[in-house]
């Protein structure tokens, strides 16, 4: 990650399609490797405050929490890096978007 590239993701409108892939139920979007990669990108770009705002507005917090749902996880070792990237992304978003974390479903996912 290079400093300054975060703003490029925003100006090139690359963030919304990434969230759409995470939200998709299509088989072509369900690969754990793909989700790890996207969650890692969101983790990196969520260091930028403008990106944090867009991520929150576009539902990234809910999409990331859904990836941690026990009904979705299979126990595969490949899910470990996914959970690492998801929780790091959520950590970056928590400081400014904390109200989205206060729903019961989201709090339960963290316990």
Foldseek 3Di string as FASTA:
>chain_A
DDPPVLVVCVVVVVLLVLLVLLVDPDPVSPDLVNLLVSLQVLLVSLLDPVSLVVCVVNPVLVSLLVLLDPVSDDPDPSCVSNVVSSVSSCVSNCVPPVVVCPDPSNVVSVD
